[in-house]
Amino acid sequence: MLSGTYWIDKYQTFSAYFLAKNADSDKNSLQVFSEKVRKYSLAAEDGLARTCRFSQPLSRQLGILRGAEMKDIIADHQLVAYCGLYCGACKRYLNDKCPGCHDNEKATWCKIQSCCNENQYPSCADCSEYSNPNDCKKFNNFMSKIFGFIFQSNRAACIQKIKELEIASYAEYMAKQGLQSIKR
C-alpha cells in the first residue's frame, strides 16, 4: 500500500505542474484538489486507501485536459451505443470531437448501427434473432475483434449487462463507474 507521504509528494509535483501550465487559471480548482489529496493521504496512513480512491483521473478532477474543458460524465440512455459501448464516458465525446453513436452520421461504415436503425433497436440487446451477440456476423466481425483486442473491450459483456439492467440503468452504471466499455 502506498503511504500518505507518497500522495503528498505526487500532489506537490502535480500542483507545481498545474501552476506552471495554468498561471492565470482559477486557484479554486487547485484548492479542491489539495483537499482531496489531503483526505486521501490521511486515509492511506490509516490503512483505508482502498476505500478512499479518486473516482476519476486527476485531469478530470481538476476539469482540465491539455487546457481544454471536458464535459462531465452523465447518465443518459441516449449515449449507449448500439453495440453496447457507453459514449458518455468516451474521451472523444467528452471533448466534443464526436456526437456519440446515435447522432454520428459519418459512421455509415458501422454495420451494427445500420442494422439497429433498420430494425429500430436502441441497441443489440433488443435483437430477437441472436440471443448471444457473438453469433451475429455484424456484431462479431473482423474490425470488432481488432477493436476489442486493442482496447481490451468486451462488447458482448456490455450487451449482456444491458439485458440484465435495462438500458437506462446500464447508462447509470457505466457513468457512475466512468467506463466506456466493460473490460475483458
Protein backbone atom coordinates (compact mmCIF):
# COMPACT_ATOMS: atom_id res chain seq x y z
CA MET A 1 0.00 0.00 0.00
CA LEU A 2 1.23 3.49 -0.79
CA SER A 3 1.86 5.85 2.10
CA GLY A 4 0.33 9.26 2.64
CA THR A 5 3.77 10.77 2.02
CA TYR A 6 3.74 9.27 -1.48
CA TRP A 7 0.46 11.01 -2.26
CA ILE A 8 1.63 14.32 -0.81
CA ASP A 9 4.76 14.11 -2.99
CA LYS A 10 2.58 13.35 -6.04
CA TYR A 11 0.35 16.29 -5.12
CA GLN A 12 3.28 18.69 -4.81
CA THR A 13 4.65 17.58 -8.18
CA PHE A 14 1.27 17.86 -9.86
CA SER A 15 0.41 21.20 -8.22
CA ALA A 16 3.72 22.71 -9.39
CA TYR A 17 2.97 21.47 -12.92
CA PHE A 18 -0.61 22.76 -12.72
CA LEU A 19 0.50 26.21 -11.58
CA ALA A 20 3.19 26.42 -14.27
CA LYS A 21 0.77 25.44 -17.05
CA ASN A 22 -2.21 27.44 -15.76
CA ALA A 23 -0.73 30.53 -14.15
CA ASP A 24 -3.85 32.59 -14.90
CA SER A 25 -6.34 29.87 -14.02
CA ASP A 26 -8.72 29.66 -11.10
CA LYS A 27 -6.86 28.71 -7.93
CA ASN A 28 -10.07 27.22 -6.50
CA SER A 29 -9.58 24.08 -8.62
CA LEU A 30 -6.19 23.54 -7.04
CA GLN A 31 -7.64 24.05 -3.55
CA VAL A 32 -10.35 21.44 -4.19
CA PHE A 33 -7.72 19.04 -5.49
CA SER A 34 -5.49 19.81 -2.50
CA GLU A 35 -8.27 18.89 -0.06
CA LYS A 36 -8.91 15.60 -1.86
CA VAL A 37 -5.22 14.68 -1.75
CA ARG A 38 -5.04 15.59 1.95
CA LYS A 39 -8.03 13.35 2.74
CA TYR A 40 -6.58 10.54 0.64
CA SER A 41 -3.21 10.87 2.35
CA LEU A 42 -4.80 10.62 5.79
CA ALA A 43 -6.80 7.59 4.67
CA ALA A 44 -3.64 5.97 3.26
CA GLU A 45 -1.84 6.44 6.57
CA ASP A 46 -4.81 4.89 8.39
CA GLY A 47 -4.78 1.91 6.01
CA LEU A 48 -8.05 2.93 4.33
CA ALA A 49 -6.57 3.77 0.92
CA ARG A 50 -8.53 1.07 -0.90
CA THR A 51 -11.84 2.55 0.23
CA CYS A 52 -10.90 6.15 -0.49
CA ARG A 53 -9.77 6.25 -4.13
CA PHE A 54 -10.14 9.13 -6.52
CA SER A 55 -13.23 8.45 -8.58
CA GLN A 56 -11.74 9.94 -11.76
CA PRO A 57 -8.28 10.72 -13.17
CA LEU A 58 -6.57 13.86 -11.87
CA SER A 59 -7.18 15.78 -15.09
CA ARG A 60 -10.92 15.07 -14.72
CA GLN A 61 -10.78 16.06 -11.03
CA LEU A 62 -9.48 19.48 -11.99
CA GLY A 63 -11.63 19.76 -15.11
CA ILE A 64 -8.64 20.12 -17.38
CA LEU A 65 -7.22 18.09 -20.21
CA ARG A 66 -4.42 19.80 -22.06
CA GLY A 67 -6.03 23.17 -21.41
CA ALA A 68 -9.47 22.18 -22.72
CA GLU A 69 -12.66 21.85 -20.71
CA MET A 70 -14.31 18.46 -20.85
CA LYS A 71 -17.96 17.60 -20.43
CA ASP A 72 -18.93 15.79 -17.26
CA ILE A 73 -19.77 12.09 -17.47
CA ILE A 74 -23.53 11.88 -17.12
CA ALA A 75 -26.00 9.02 -17.20
CA ASP A 76 -28.04 9.25 -20.40
CA HIS A 77 -29.54 6.23 -22.15
CA GLN A 78 -29.19 8.06 -25.49
CA LEU A 79 -25.41 7.79 -25.06
CA VAL A 80 -25.45 3.98 -25.05
CA ALA A 81 -24.07 2.92 -28.42
CA TYR A 82 -25.84 0.27 -30.49
CA CYS A 83 -23.01 -2.19 -29.77
CA GLY A 84 -23.15 -1.61 -26.01
CA LEU A 85 -20.29 0.85 -25.55
CA TYR A 86 -21.09 3.91 -23.43
CA CYS A 87 -20.35 7.05 -25.45
CA GLY A 88 -20.94 9.22 -22.39
CA ALA A 89 -17.55 8.18 -20.98
CA CYS A 90 -15.61 8.32 -24.25
CA LYS A 91 -12.83 10.94 -24.37
CA ARG A 92 -13.77 11.97 -27.90
CA TYR A 93 -17.38 12.58 -26.83
CA LEU A 94 -16.31 14.40 -23.66
CA ASN A 95 -14.03 16.68 -25.70
CA ASP A 96 -16.81 17.47 -28.23
CA LYS A 97 -14.97 15.64 -31.04
CA CYS A 98 -17.74 13.07 -31.56
CA PRO A 99 -21.52 13.37 -31.18
CA GLY A 100 -21.90 9.80 -29.93
CA CYS A 101 -23.06 6.73 -31.81
CA HIS A 102 -26.73 7.60 -32.24
CA ASP A 103 -26.02 11.06 -33.67
CA ASN A 104 -22.94 10.15 -35.70
CA GLU A 105 -23.96 10.47 -39.34
CA LYS A 106 -20.39 9.81 -40.52
CA ALA A 107 -20.43 6.24 -39.18
CA THR A 108 -22.06 4.77 -42.29
CA TRP A 109 -19.35 2.08 -42.20
CA CYS A 110 -20.81 0.65 -38.98
CA LYS A 111 -22.93 -2.40 -39.81
CA ILE A 112 -24.28 -2.56 -36.24
CA GLN A 113 -25.60 0.99 -36.46
CA SER A 114 -27.24 0.23 -39.84
CA CYS A 115 -28.85 -2.98 -38.55
CA CYS A 116 -30.18 -1.37 -35.37
CA ASN A 117 -31.57 1.57 -37.34
CA GLU A 118 -33.29 -0.77 -39.83
CA ASN A 119 -34.85 -2.80 -37.01
CA GLN A 120 -35.47 0.23 -34.76
CA TYR A 121 -33.45 -1.23 -31.87
CA PRO A 122 -31.83 1.11 -29.32
CA SER A 123 -29.02 -1.49 -29.01
CA CYS A 124 -28.14 -5.07 -29.92
CA ALA A 125 -29.59 -6.12 -26.57
CA ASP A 126 -33.06 -5.84 -28.16
CA CYS A 127 -32.26 -8.15 -31.06
CA SER A 128 -34.62 -11.14 -31.12
CA GLU A 129 -32.66 -13.02 -33.80
CA TYR A 130 -29.49 -13.63 -31.74
CA SER A 131 -29.53 -14.29 -28.00
CA ASN A 132 -25.71 -14.21 -27.99
CA PRO A 133 -24.39 -11.15 -29.86
CA ASN A 134 -21.20 -13.02 -30.79
CA ASP A 135 -23.29 -15.25 -33.09
CA CYS A 136 -24.16 -12.20 -35.21
CA LYS A 137 -21.71 -11.59 -38.07
CA LYS A 138 -22.43 -7.85 -37.99
CA PHE A 139 -21.60 -7.63 -34.28
CA ASN A 140 -18.68 -10.06 -34.27
CA ASN A 141 -16.74 -9.04 -37.37
CA PHE A 142 -13.02 -8.58 -38.05
CA MET A 143 -12.96 -4.87 -37.10
CA SER A 144 -14.76 -5.51 -33.82
CA LYS A 145 -12.21 -8.18 -32.94
CA ILE A 146 -9.34 -5.76 -33.58
CA PHE A 147 -11.11 -3.03 -31.60
CA GLY A 148 -11.77 -5.43 -28.73
CA PHE A 149 -8.15 -6.61 -28.68
CA ILE A 150 -6.60 -3.14 -28.77
CA PHE A 151 -8.91 -1.60 -26.17
CA GLN A 152 -9.47 -4.79 -24.12
CA SER A 153 -13.17 -4.18 -24.64
CA ASN A 154 -15.83 -6.83 -24.14
CA ARG A 155 -18.86 -5.53 -26.04
CA ALA A 156 -20.72 -8.84 -25.65
CA ALA A 157 -20.49 -8.38 -21.86
CA CYS A 158 -21.84 -4.84 -22.35
CA ILE A 159 -24.85 -6.22 -24.25
CA GLN A 160 -25.44 -8.85 -21.55
CA LYS A 161 -25.29 -6.12 -18.89
CA ILE A 162 -27.88 -4.07 -20.83
CA LYS A 163 -30.14 -7.15 -20.91
CA GLU A 164 -29.71 -7.55 -17.13
CA LEU A 165 -30.16 -3.93 -16.10
CA GLU A 166 -32.20 -2.36 -18.92
CA ILE A 167 -30.67 0.48 -20.92
CA ALA A 168 -31.32 3.40 -18.51
CA SER A 169 -29.83 1.56 -15.52
CA TYR A 170 -26.91 0.46 -17.68
CA ALA A 171 -26.21 4.10 -18.58
CA GLU A 172 -26.26 5.00 -14.87
CA TYR A 173 -23.93 2.09 -14.05
CA MET A 174 -21.41 2.99 -16.77
CA ALA A 175 -21.50 6.72 -15.91
CA LYS A 176 -21.01 6.02 -12.22
CA GLN A 177 -18.05 3.73 -12.98
CA GLY A 178 -16.67 6.13 -15.61
CA LEU A 179 -16.46 3.28 -18.13
CA GLN A 180 -16.79 3.34 -21.89
CA SER A 181 -16.76 -0.44 -22.05
CA ILE A 182 -16.65 -3.45 -19.80
CA LYS A 183 -13.09 -4.74 -19.94
CA ARG A 184 -12.06 -8.28 -20.82
